[in-house]
């Protein structure tokens, strides 16, 4: 009832015109079409064979990595990294999102570097499996999970700043070492 009175008052005072309602309805329609298109893209991604294989096999890849780490083989981290490149493929060519691709690649690189530390690498691989994290990020983006998208953006920005810092460090070291 109060909404009806409010609408009548707004119409009498000239605040709510037919033009404003038409613009609002068009906006609602555009948003509905955008969501439908996004859901169609998500369905296409979910039906991809590579997406299904890697999403369903994530925990197995990390178990293999942790198992090889128990035997003291740093090769487990390399194997895990190369298997993880499948997640990079999915994020780059199936999902087609740059931020997600950079975030997945950053998670895999950090996992590989930590995996080279003899005992700590194995513990970290068991506690924070990279394939599982990458799977969660990809699924979150495909399912439009706002918290996962925030995490992807945070990891992307972290990776970006780490790369910029490393490039600056390399440049400074080059300037110090290079003959003048």
N, C-alpha and C. Protein backbone atom coordinates (compact mmCIF):
# COMPACT_ATOMS: atom_id res chain seq x y z
N UNK A 1 0.82 -1.18 0.00
CA UNK A 1 0.00 0.00 0.00
C UNK A 1 0.87 1.25 0.00
N UNK A 2 1.92 1.25 0.82
CA UNK A 2 2.78 2.44 0.87
C UNK A 2 3.51 2.63 -0.45
N UNK A 3 3.84 1.55 -1.14
CA UNK A 3 4.49 1.67 -2.45
C UNK A 3 3.56 2.32 -3.47
N UNK A 4 2.27 1.99 -3.38
CA UNK A 4 1.31 2.57 -4.31
C UNK A 4 1.15 4.07 -4.04
N UNK A 5 1.04 4.44 -2.77
CA UNK A 5 0.94 5.86 -2.43
C UNK A 5 2.20 6.61 -2.82
N UNK A 6 3.32 5.96 -2.60
CA UNK A 6 4.60 6.58 -2.96
C UNK A 6 4.67 6.84 -4.47
N UNK A 7 4.27 5.85 -5.26
CA UNK A 7 4.28 5.99 -6.70
C UNK A 7 3.35 7.11 -7.14
N UNK A 8 2.16 7.17 -6.55
CA UNK A 8 1.21 8.23 -6.90
C UNK A 8 1.77 9.61 -6.56
N UNK A 9 2.39 9.73 -5.40
CA UNK A 9 2.98 11.00 -4.99
C UNK A 9 4.11 11.40 -5.92
N UNK A 10 4.95 10.44 -6.26
CA UNK A 10 6.06 10.72 -7.18
C UNK A 10 5.54 11.16 -8.54
N UNK A 11 4.45 10.53 -9.01
CA UNK A 11 3.87 10.91 -10.29
C UNK A 11 3.30 12.32 -10.23
N UNK A 12 2.59 12.65 -9.11
CA UNK A 12 2.03 13.99 -8.97
C UNK A 12 3.11 15.05 -8.95
N UNK A 13 4.24 14.75 -8.29
CA UNK A 13 5.31 15.73 -8.17
C UNK A 13 6.24 15.72 -9.38
N UNK A 14 6.04 14.76 -10.26
CA UNK A 14 6.84 14.71 -11.48
C UNK A 14 8.18 14.00 -11.32
N UNK A 15 8.37 13.26 -10.24
CA UNK A 15 9.63 12.55 -10.03
C UNK A 15 9.71 11.25 -10.82
N UNK A 16 8.58 10.61 -11.01
CA UNK A 16 8.57 9.31 -11.66
C UNK A 16 7.81 9.42 -12.98
N UNK A 17 8.52 9.55 -14.03
CA UNK A 17 7.87 9.70 -15.32
C UNK A 17 7.86 8.36 -16.05
N UNK A 18 7.10 8.32 -17.11
CA UNK A 18 7.05 7.13 -17.95
C UNK A 18 8.43 6.83 -18.53
N UNK A 19 9.16 7.88 -18.86
CA UNK A 19 10.49 7.72 -19.45
C UNK A 19 11.43 7.02 -18.47
N UNK A 20 11.37 7.41 -17.19
CA UNK A 20 12.22 6.77 -16.18
C UNK A 20 11.87 5.30 -16.01
N UNK A 21 10.57 5.00 -16.02
CA UNK A 21 10.16 3.60 -15.91
C UNK A 21 10.63 2.79 -17.11
N UNK A 22 10.53 3.37 -18.30
CA UNK A 22 10.98 2.68 -19.51
C UNK A 22 12.48 2.41 -19.45
N UNK A 23 13.25 3.39 -19.00
CA UNK A 23 14.70 3.23 -18.87
C UNK A 23 15.02 2.14 -17.85
N UNK A 24 14.28 2.14 -16.75
CA UNK A 24 14.51 1.13 -15.71
C UNK A 24 14.17 -0.27 -16.24
N UNK A 25 13.09 -0.40 -16.97
CA UNK A 25 12.70 -1.70 -17.53
C UNK A 25 13.73 -2.18 -18.55
N UNK A 26 14.23 -1.26 -19.37
CA UNK A 26 15.27 -1.62 -20.34
C UNK A 26 16.53 -2.08 -19.63
N UNK A 27 16.86 -1.41 -18.57
CA UNK A 27 18.04 -1.78 -17.79
C UNK A 27 17.88 -3.17 -17.19
N UNK A 28 16.71 -3.44 -16.66
CA UNK A 28 16.44 -4.77 -16.09
C UNK A 28 16.52 -5.84 -17.18
N UNK A 29 15.99 -5.54 -18.35
CA UNK A 29 16.03 -6.49 -19.47
C UNK A 29 17.47 -6.75 -19.92
N UNK A 30 18.28 -5.68 -20.01
CA UNK A 30 19.70 -5.85 -20.39
C UNK A 30 20.44 -6.71 -19.38
N UNK A 31 20.16 -6.51 -18.09
CA UNK A 31 20.81 -7.31 -17.05
C UNK A 31 20.38 -8.77 -17.16
N UNK A 32 19.11 -9.02 -17.44
CA UNK A 32 18.63 -10.39 -17.58
C UNK A 32 19.32 -11.07 -18.76
N UNK A 33 19.45 -10.37 -19.88
CA UNK A 33 20.13 -10.93 -21.05
C UNK A 33 21.61 -11.18 -20.78
N UNK A 34 22.24 -10.28 -20.03
CA UNK A 34 23.66 -10.45 -19.69
C UNK A 34 23.85 -11.70 -18.84
N UNK A 35 22.95 -11.89 -17.87
CA UNK A 35 23.05 -13.07 -17.01
C UNK A 35 22.80 -14.36 -17.79
N UNK A 36 21.84 -14.33 -18.71
CA UNK A 36 21.58 -15.50 -19.54
C UNK A 36 22.80 -15.84 -20.40
N UNK A 37 23.42 -14.82 -20.97
CA UNK A 37 24.62 -15.05 -21.79
C UNK A 37 25.76 -15.61 -20.94
N UNK A 38 25.92 -15.07 -19.73
CA UNK A 38 26.98 -15.57 -18.84
C UNK A 38 26.71 -17.02 -18.45
N UNK A 39 25.46 -17.38 -18.23
CA UNK A 39 25.12 -18.76 -17.88
C UNK A 39 25.36 -19.70 -19.06
N UNK A 40 25.10 -19.24 -20.29
CA UNK A 40 25.39 -20.06 -21.47
C UNK A 40 26.88 -20.31 -21.60
N UNK A 41 27.70 -19.30 -21.33
CA UNK A 41 29.15 -19.46 -21.37
C UNK A 41 29.58 -20.46 -20.30
N UNK A 42 29.01 -20.34 -19.10
CA UNK A 42 29.34 -21.27 -18.02
C UNK A 42 28.98 -22.69 -18.39
N UNK A 43 27.83 -22.89 -19.03
CA UNK A 43 27.43 -24.23 -19.45
C UNK A 43 28.39 -24.79 -20.50
N UNK A 44 28.83 -23.93 -21.43
CA UNK A 44 29.79 -24.37 -22.45
C UNK A 44 31.09 -24.82 -21.80
N UNK A 45 31.53 -24.08 -20.80
CA UNK A 45 32.77 -24.42 -20.11
C UNK A 45 32.61 -25.73 -19.35
N UNK A 46 31.50 -25.89 -18.64
CA UNK A 46 31.27 -27.11 -17.86
C UNK A 46 31.20 -28.35 -18.74
N UNK A 47 30.78 -28.19 -19.99
CA UNK A 47 30.66 -29.33 -20.90
C UNK A 47 31.98 -29.67 -21.59
N UNK A 48 32.99 -28.85 -21.42
CA UNK A 48 34.29 -29.09 -22.03
C UNK A 48 34.93 -30.33 -21.40
N UNK A 49 35.47 -31.19 -22.24
CA UNK A 49 36.09 -32.43 -21.74
C UNK A 49 37.31 -32.12 -20.88
N UNK A 50 38.14 -31.17 -21.29
CA UNK A 50 39.34 -30.85 -20.50
C UNK A 50 38.96 -30.29 -19.14
N UNK A 51 37.91 -29.51 -19.08
CA UNK A 51 37.45 -28.95 -17.80
C UNK A 51 37.02 -30.08 -16.87
N UNK A 52 36.21 -31.00 -17.38
CA UNK A 52 35.72 -32.09 -16.54
C UNK A 52 36.85 -32.99 -16.06
N UNK A 53 37.81 -33.30 -16.92
CA UNK A 53 38.91 -34.20 -16.55
C UNK A 53 39.75 -33.58 -15.44
N UNK A 54 40.17 -32.34 -15.62
CA UNK A 54 41.05 -31.73 -14.63
C UNK A 54 40.31 -31.40 -13.34
N UNK A 55 39.06 -30.99 -13.41
CA UNK A 55 38.31 -30.67 -12.21
C UNK A 55 38.08 -31.93 -11.37
N UNK A 56 37.79 -33.04 -12.01
CA UNK A 56 37.55 -34.28 -11.28
C UNK A 56 38.85 -34.92 -10.79
N UNK A 57 39.98 -34.63 -11.41
CA UNK A 57 41.23 -35.27 -11.03
C UNK A 57 42.14 -34.44 -10.16
N UNK A 58 41.68 -33.31 -9.67
CA UNK A 58 42.55 -32.38 -8.94
C UNK A 58 43.19 -33.02 -7.71
N UNK A 59 42.41 -33.70 -6.91
CA UNK A 59 42.96 -34.26 -5.67
C UNK A 59 43.95 -35.38 -5.96
N UNK A 60 43.74 -36.13 -7.02
CA UNK A 60 44.67 -37.19 -7.38
C UNK A 60 46.03 -36.66 -7.76
N UNK A 61 46.06 -35.53 -8.46
CA UNK A 61 47.34 -34.92 -8.84
C UNK A 61 48.11 -34.47 -7.60
N UNK A 62 47.42 -33.90 -6.65
CA UNK A 62 48.09 -33.44 -5.43
C UNK A 62 48.54 -34.61 -4.56
N UNK A 63 47.78 -35.70 -4.56
CA UNK A 63 48.19 -36.88 -3.80
C UNK A 63 49.48 -37.44 -4.38
N UNK A 64 49.59 -37.48 -5.71
CA UNK A 64 50.81 -37.94 -6.36
C UNK A 64 51.99 -37.04 -6.00
N UNK A 65 51.77 -35.73 -6.00
CA UNK A 65 52.81 -34.77 -5.65
C UNK A 65 53.29 -34.98 -4.21
N UNK A 66 52.36 -35.14 -3.28
CA UNK A 66 52.72 -35.34 -1.88
C UNK A 66 53.42 -36.68 -1.69
N UNK A 67 52.97 -37.71 -2.38
CA UNK A 67 53.58 -39.03 -2.27
C UNK A 67 55.03 -39.01 -2.76
N UNK A 68 55.27 -38.37 -3.89
CA UNK A 68 56.65 -38.25 -4.40
C UNK A 68 57.50 -37.40 -3.46
N UNK A 69 56.88 -36.41 -2.81
CA UNK A 69 57.61 -35.57 -1.85
C UNK A 69 58.07 -36.36 -0.63
N UNK A 70 57.28 -37.37 -0.20
CA UNK A 70 57.68 -38.20 0.93
C UNK A 70 58.95 -38.98 0.65
N UNK A 71 59.16 -39.32 -0.61
CA UNK A 71 60.35 -40.05 -0.99
C UNK A 71 61.53 -39.13 -1.26
N UNK A 72 61.32 -37.85 -1.05
CA UNK A 72 62.40 -36.90 -1.22
C UNK A 72 62.69 -36.52 -2.65
N UNK A 73 61.76 -36.75 -3.52
CA UNK A 73 61.97 -36.43 -4.92
C UNK A 73 61.40 -35.06 -5.23
N UNK A 74 62.28 -34.16 -5.61
CA UNK A 74 61.83 -32.83 -6.01
C UNK A 74 61.11 -32.90 -7.36
N UNK A 75 61.28 -34.02 -8.04
CA UNK A 75 60.61 -34.20 -9.33
C UNK A 75 59.09 -34.18 -9.16
N UNK A 76 58.61 -34.51 -7.96
CA UNK A 76 57.18 -34.46 -7.71
C UNK A 76 56.62 -33.07 -7.93
N UNK A 77 57.37 -32.05 -7.54
CA UNK A 77 56.92 -30.67 -7.74
C UNK A 77 56.91 -30.31 -9.21
N UNK A 78 57.90 -30.80 -9.95
CA UNK A 78 57.91 -30.54 -11.39
C UNK A 78 56.76 -31.25 -12.09
N UNK A 79 56.50 -32.50 -11.71
CA UNK A 79 55.39 -33.25 -12.29
C UNK A 79 54.08 -32.54 -11.98
N UNK A 80 53.94 -32.10 -10.73
CA UNK A 80 52.73 -31.39 -10.33
C UNK A 80 52.57 -30.09 -11.12
N UNK A 81 53.69 -29.40 -11.36
CA UNK A 81 53.64 -28.16 -12.13
C UNK A 81 53.19 -28.42 -13.56
N UNK A 82 53.75 -29.46 -14.19
CA UNK A 82 53.38 -29.75 -15.57
C UNK A 82 51.94 -30.22 -15.69
N UNK A 83 51.46 -30.96 -14.70
CA UNK A 83 50.04 -31.33 -14.69
C UNK A 83 49.20 -30.08 -14.49
N UNK A 84 49.70 -29.18 -13.64
CA UNK A 84 48.99 -27.93 -13.38
C UNK A 84 48.88 -27.03 -14.59
N UNK A 85 49.74 -27.24 -15.58
CA UNK A 85 49.64 -26.45 -16.80
C UNK A 85 48.30 -26.71 -17.51
N UNK A 86 47.68 -27.84 -17.19
CA UNK A 86 46.33 -28.10 -17.70
C UNK A 86 45.34 -27.07 -17.18
N UNK A 87 45.52 -26.64 -15.93
CA UNK A 87 44.67 -25.60 -15.36
C UNK A 87 44.92 -24.26 -16.05
N UNK A 88 46.18 -24.02 -16.41
CA UNK A 88 46.51 -22.80 -17.16
C UNK A 88 45.81 -22.85 -18.51
N UNK A 89 45.84 -24.02 -19.16
CA UNK A 89 45.15 -24.18 -20.44
C UNK A 89 43.65 -23.88 -20.30
N UNK A 90 43.03 -24.47 -19.28
CA UNK A 90 41.60 -24.26 -19.08
C UNK A 90 41.29 -22.79 -18.85
N UNK A 91 42.07 -22.14 -17.98
CA UNK A 91 41.78 -20.74 -17.68
C UNK A 91 42.05 -19.83 -18.87
N UNK A 92 43.05 -20.17 -19.70
CA UNK A 92 43.40 -19.31 -20.83
C UNK A 92 42.54 -19.57 -22.06
N UNK A 93 42.25 -20.84 -22.37
CA UNK A 93 41.61 -21.16 -23.64
C UNK A 93 40.17 -21.63 -23.51
N UNK A 94 39.77 -22.12 -22.35
CA UNK A 94 38.39 -22.55 -22.18
C UNK A 94 37.58 -21.45 -21.49
N UNK A 95 38.08 -20.98 -20.34
CA UNK A 95 37.38 -19.90 -19.61
C UNK A 95 37.69 -18.55 -20.25
N UNK A 96 38.90 -18.42 -20.80
CA UNK A 96 39.34 -17.21 -21.51
C UNK A 96 39.33 -15.98 -20.62
N UNK A 97 40.05 -16.09 -19.49
CA UNK A 97 40.14 -14.94 -18.60
C UNK A 97 41.59 -14.75 -18.17
N UNK A 98 42.13 -13.58 -18.48
CA UNK A 98 43.54 -13.29 -18.21
C UNK A 98 43.85 -13.30 -16.72
N UNK A 99 43.02 -12.65 -15.92
CA UNK A 99 43.29 -12.60 -14.47
C UNK A 99 43.32 -14.00 -13.87
N UNK A 100 42.38 -14.83 -14.27
CA UNK A 100 42.35 -16.21 -13.77
C UNK A 100 43.59 -16.96 -14.21
N UNK A 101 44.01 -16.78 -15.44
CA UNK A 101 45.19 -17.48 -15.95
C UNK A 101 46.43 -17.08 -15.17
N UNK A 102 46.60 -15.80 -14.93
CA UNK A 102 47.76 -15.32 -14.17
C UNK A 102 47.69 -15.84 -12.73
N UNK A 103 46.52 -15.82 -12.13
CA UNK A 103 46.38 -16.30 -10.75
C UNK A 103 46.71 -17.79 -10.65
N UNK A 104 46.21 -18.59 -11.59
CA UNK A 104 46.49 -20.03 -11.58
C UNK A 104 47.98 -20.28 -11.78
N UNK A 105 48.58 -19.58 -12.71
CA UNK A 105 50.01 -19.74 -12.96
C UNK A 105 50.83 -19.34 -11.73
N UNK A 106 50.43 -18.28 -11.05
CA UNK A 106 51.13 -17.84 -9.85
C UNK A 106 51.03 -18.89 -8.74
N UNK A 107 49.84 -19.45 -8.54
CA UNK A 107 49.66 -20.50 -7.53
C UNK A 107 50.54 -21.70 -7.85
N UNK A 108 50.59 -22.10 -9.11
CA UNK A 108 51.41 -23.25 -9.51
C UNK A 108 52.90 -22.98 -9.31
N UNK A 109 53.34 -21.78 -9.66
CA UNK A 109 54.76 -21.44 -9.48
C UNK A 109 55.15 -21.41 -8.01
N UNK A 110 54.31 -20.82 -7.18
CA UNK A 110 54.60 -20.80 -5.74
C UNK A 110 54.63 -22.21 -5.19
N UNK A 111 53.69 -23.06 -5.61
CA UNK A 111 53.67 -24.45 -5.15
C UNK A 111 54.93 -25.18 -5.58
N UNK A 112 55.38 -24.95 -6.81
CA UNK A 112 56.58 -25.62 -7.29
C UNK A 112 57.81 -25.16 -6.50
N UNK A 113 57.94 -23.86 -6.26
CA UNK A 113 59.09 -23.35 -5.53
C UNK A 113 59.10 -23.86 -4.09
N UNK A 114 57.95 -23.88 -3.45
CA UNK A 114 57.88 -24.39 -2.08
C UNK A 114 58.15 -25.89 -2.06
N UNK A 115 57.73 -26.59 -3.11
CA UNK A 115 57.93 -28.04 -3.19
C UNK A 115 59.38 -28.45 -3.25
N UNK A 116 60.27 -27.54 -3.63
CA UNK A 116 61.69 -27.87 -3.68
C UNK A 116 62.34 -27.89 -2.30
N UNK A 117 61.68 -27.33 -1.29
CA UNK A 117 62.20 -27.37 0.07
C UNK A 117 61.92 -28.78 0.60
N UNK A 118 62.95 -29.50 1.08
CA UNK A 118 62.81 -30.93 1.36
C UNK A 118 61.59 -31.36 2.18
N UNK A 119 61.46 -31.01 3.41
CA UNK A 119 60.34 -31.52 4.22
C UNK A 119 59.15 -30.56 4.19
N UNK A 120 59.44 -29.28 4.27
CA UNK A 120 58.37 -28.28 4.30
C UNK A 120 57.54 -28.31 3.03
N UNK A 121 58.17 -28.59 1.91
CA UNK A 121 57.45 -28.65 0.64
C UNK A 121 56.39 -29.73 0.65
N UNK A 122 56.71 -30.89 1.22
CA UNK A 122 55.76 -31.98 1.29
C UNK A 122 54.60 -31.62 2.20
N UNK A 123 54.91 -31.00 3.34
CA UNK A 123 53.86 -30.61 4.29
C UNK A 123 52.93 -29.58 3.65
N UNK A 124 53.51 -28.59 2.96
CA UNK A 124 52.69 -27.56 2.31
C UNK A 124 51.86 -28.19 1.19
N UNK A 125 52.44 -29.13 0.43
CA UNK A 125 51.68 -29.80 -0.63
C UNK A 125 50.49 -30.56 -0.07
N UNK A 126 50.63 -31.10 1.11
CA UNK A 126 49.51 -31.82 1.72
C UNK A 126 48.49 -30.85 2.31
N UNK A 127 48.94 -29.75 2.90
CA UNK A 127 48.03 -28.81 3.55
C UNK A 127 47.33 -27.90 2.55
N UNK A 128 48.06 -27.44 1.55
CA UNK A 128 47.51 -26.51 0.55
C UNK A 128 47.78 -27.04 -0.85
N UNK A 129 47.04 -28.03 -1.29
CA UNK A 129 47.29 -28.60 -2.62
C UNK A 129 46.98 -27.60 -3.74
N UNK A 130 47.96 -27.35 -4.58
CA UNK A 130 47.83 -26.35 -5.64
C UNK A 130 46.73 -26.70 -6.63
N UNK A 131 46.63 -27.96 -7.00
CA UNK A 131 45.58 -28.34 -7.96
C UNK A 131 44.19 -28.09 -7.39
N UNK A 132 44.05 -28.34 -6.11
CA UNK A 132 42.77 -28.12 -5.45
C UNK A 132 42.44 -26.63 -5.41
N UNK A 133 43.46 -25.81 -5.13
CA UNK A 133 43.27 -24.35 -5.11
C UNK A 133 42.92 -23.86 -6.50
N UNK A 134 43.65 -24.31 -7.51
CA UNK A 134 43.38 -23.90 -8.89
C UNK A 134 41.98 -24.33 -9.32
N UNK A 135 41.61 -25.53 -8.95
CA UNK A 135 40.27 -26.03 -9.28
C UNK A 135 39.21 -25.13 -8.66
N UNK A 136 39.41 -24.75 -7.41
CA UNK A 136 38.45 -23.88 -6.73
C UNK A 136 38.35 -22.51 -7.39
N UNK A 137 39.50 -21.98 -7.80
CA UNK A 137 39.48 -20.68 -8.47
C UNK A 137 38.73 -20.75 -9.80
N UNK A 138 39.02 -21.79 -10.58
CA UNK A 138 38.37 -21.92 -11.88
C UNK A 138 36.87 -22.15 -11.71
N UNK A 139 36.50 -23.05 -10.82
CA UNK A 139 35.08 -23.30 -10.59
C UNK A 139 34.37 -22.05 -10.08
N UNK A 140 35.03 -21.30 -9.21
CA UNK A 140 34.44 -20.08 -8.69
C UNK A 140 34.16 -19.06 -9.78
N UNK A 141 35.10 -18.93 -10.71
CA UNK A 141 34.89 -17.99 -11.82
C UNK A 141 33.78 -18.49 -12.74
N UNK A 142 33.78 -19.79 -13.03
CA UNK A 142 32.74 -20.35 -13.92
C UNK A 142 31.35 -20.24 -13.28
N UNK A 143 31.29 -20.44 -11.96
CA UNK A 143 30.00 -20.39 -11.26
C UNK A 143 29.64 -18.99 -10.77
N UNK A 144 30.48 -18.01 -11.09
CA UNK A 144 30.25 -16.60 -10.71
C UNK A 144 30.17 -16.41 -9.19
N UNK A 145 31.05 -17.13 -8.47
CA UNK A 145 31.14 -17.01 -7.02
C UNK A 145 31.93 -15.74 -6.70
N UNK A 146 31.30 -14.78 -6.05
CA UNK A 146 31.92 -13.47 -5.83
C UNK A 146 33.17 -13.57 -4.96
N UNK A 147 33.16 -14.44 -3.95
CA UNK A 147 34.34 -14.56 -3.09
C UNK A 147 35.52 -15.17 -3.85
N UNK A 148 35.26 -16.14 -4.69
CA UNK A 148 36.34 -16.73 -5.49
C UNK A 148 36.88 -15.73 -6.50
N UNK A 149 35.99 -14.94 -7.08
CA UNK A 149 36.44 -13.91 -8.03
C UNK A 149 37.30 -12.88 -7.30
N UNK A 150 36.93 -12.52 -6.08
CA UNK A 150 37.76 -11.61 -5.28
C UNK A 150 39.12 -12.23 -5.01
N UNK A 151 39.14 -13.54 -4.71
CA UNK A 151 40.40 -14.23 -4.46
C UNK A 151 41.26 -14.24 -5.72
N UNK A 152 40.65 -14.49 -6.87
CA UNK A 152 41.38 -14.47 -8.15
C UNK A 152 42.00 -13.09 -8.36
N UNK A 153 41.22 -12.04 -8.12
CA UNK A 153 41.74 -10.68 -8.29
C UNK A 153 42.87 -10.38 -7.32
N UNK A 154 42.75 -10.86 -6.08
CA UNK A 154 43.81 -10.65 -5.09
C UNK A 154 45.09 -11.38 -5.50
N UNK A 155 44.97 -12.63 -5.92
CA UNK A 155 46.14 -13.39 -6.34
C UNK A 155 46.75 -12.77 -7.59
N UNK A 156 45.90 -12.31 -8.51
CA UNK A 156 46.39 -11.65 -9.73
C UNK A 156 47.22 -10.42 -9.37
N UNK A 157 46.69 -9.58 -8.50
CA UNK A 157 47.41 -8.36 -8.12
C UNK A 157 48.70 -8.69 -7.37
N UNK A 158 48.66 -9.69 -6.50
CA UNK A 158 49.85 -10.11 -5.79
C UNK A 158 50.91 -10.59 -6.78
N UNK A 159 50.50 -11.44 -7.70
CA UNK A 159 51.43 -11.94 -8.72
C UNK A 159 51.98 -10.82 -9.57
N UNK A 160 51.13 -9.87 -9.93
CA UNK A 160 51.57 -8.73 -10.74
C UNK A 160 52.64 -7.93 -10.00
N UNK A 161 52.40 -7.63 -8.73
CA UNK A 161 53.37 -6.84 -7.97
C UNK A 161 54.66 -7.62 -7.71
N UNK A 162 54.56 -8.92 -7.50
CA UNK A 162 55.76 -9.74 -7.32
C UNK A 162 56.59 -9.72 -8.60
N UNK A 163 55.95 -9.86 -9.74
CA UNK A 163 56.68 -9.84 -11.02
C UNK A 163 57.31 -8.47 -11.24
N UNK A 164 56.59 -7.40 -10.96
CA UNK A 164 57.15 -6.04 -11.12
C UNK A 164 58.34 -5.86 -10.19
N UNK A 165 58.22 -6.33 -8.94
CA UNK A 165 59.33 -6.21 -8.00
C UNK A 165 60.54 -7.02 -8.46
N UNK A 166 60.31 -8.22 -8.98
CA UNK A 166 61.43 -9.04 -9.47
C UNK A 166 62.10 -8.40 -10.68
N UNK A 167 61.32 -7.84 -11.59
CA UNK A 167 61.89 -7.16 -12.75
C UNK A 167 62.72 -5.96 -12.30
N UNK A 168 62.21 -5.20 -11.34
CA UNK A 168 62.96 -4.05 -10.82
C UNK A 168 64.25 -4.51 -10.15
N UNK A 169 64.18 -5.59 -9.39
CA UNK A 169 65.36 -6.13 -8.72
C UNK A 169 66.40 -6.60 -9.75
N UNK A 170 65.95 -7.29 -10.76
CA UNK A 170 66.87 -7.75 -11.81
C UNK A 170 67.50 -6.56 -12.52
N UNK A 171 66.72 -5.55 -12.79
CA UNK A 171 67.24 -4.35 -13.44
C UNK A 171 68.31 -3.68 -12.58
N UNK A 172 68.03 -3.55 -11.28
CA UNK A 172 69.00 -2.94 -10.37
C UNK A 172 70.28 -3.78 -10.28
N UNK A 173 70.12 -5.09 -10.20
CA UNK A 173 71.29 -5.96 -10.15
C UNK A 173 72.10 -5.86 -11.44
N UNK A 174 71.42 -5.79 -12.56
CA UNK A 174 72.09 -5.65 -13.84
C UNK A 174 72.89 -4.34 -13.90
N UNK A 175 72.29 -3.27 -13.39
CA UNK A 175 72.97 -1.97 -13.37
C UNK A 175 74.20 -2.01 -12.47
N UNK A 176 74.14 -2.74 -11.36
CA UNK A 176 75.28 -2.84 -10.45
C UNK A 176 76.40 -3.68 -11.06
N UNK A 177 76.03 -4.75 -11.74
CA UNK A 177 77.02 -5.68 -12.26
C UNK A 177 77.60 -5.23 -13.60
N UNK A 178 76.79 -4.64 -14.42
CA UNK A 178 77.20 -4.26 -15.78
C UNK A 178 78.34 -3.21 -15.71
N UNK A 179 79.35 -3.38 -16.59
CA UNK A 179 80.44 -2.39 -16.60
C UNK A 179 79.92 -1.06 -17.14
N UNK A 180 80.52 -0.02 -16.62
CA UNK A 180 80.03 1.30 -17.01
C UNK A 180 80.86 1.92 -18.05
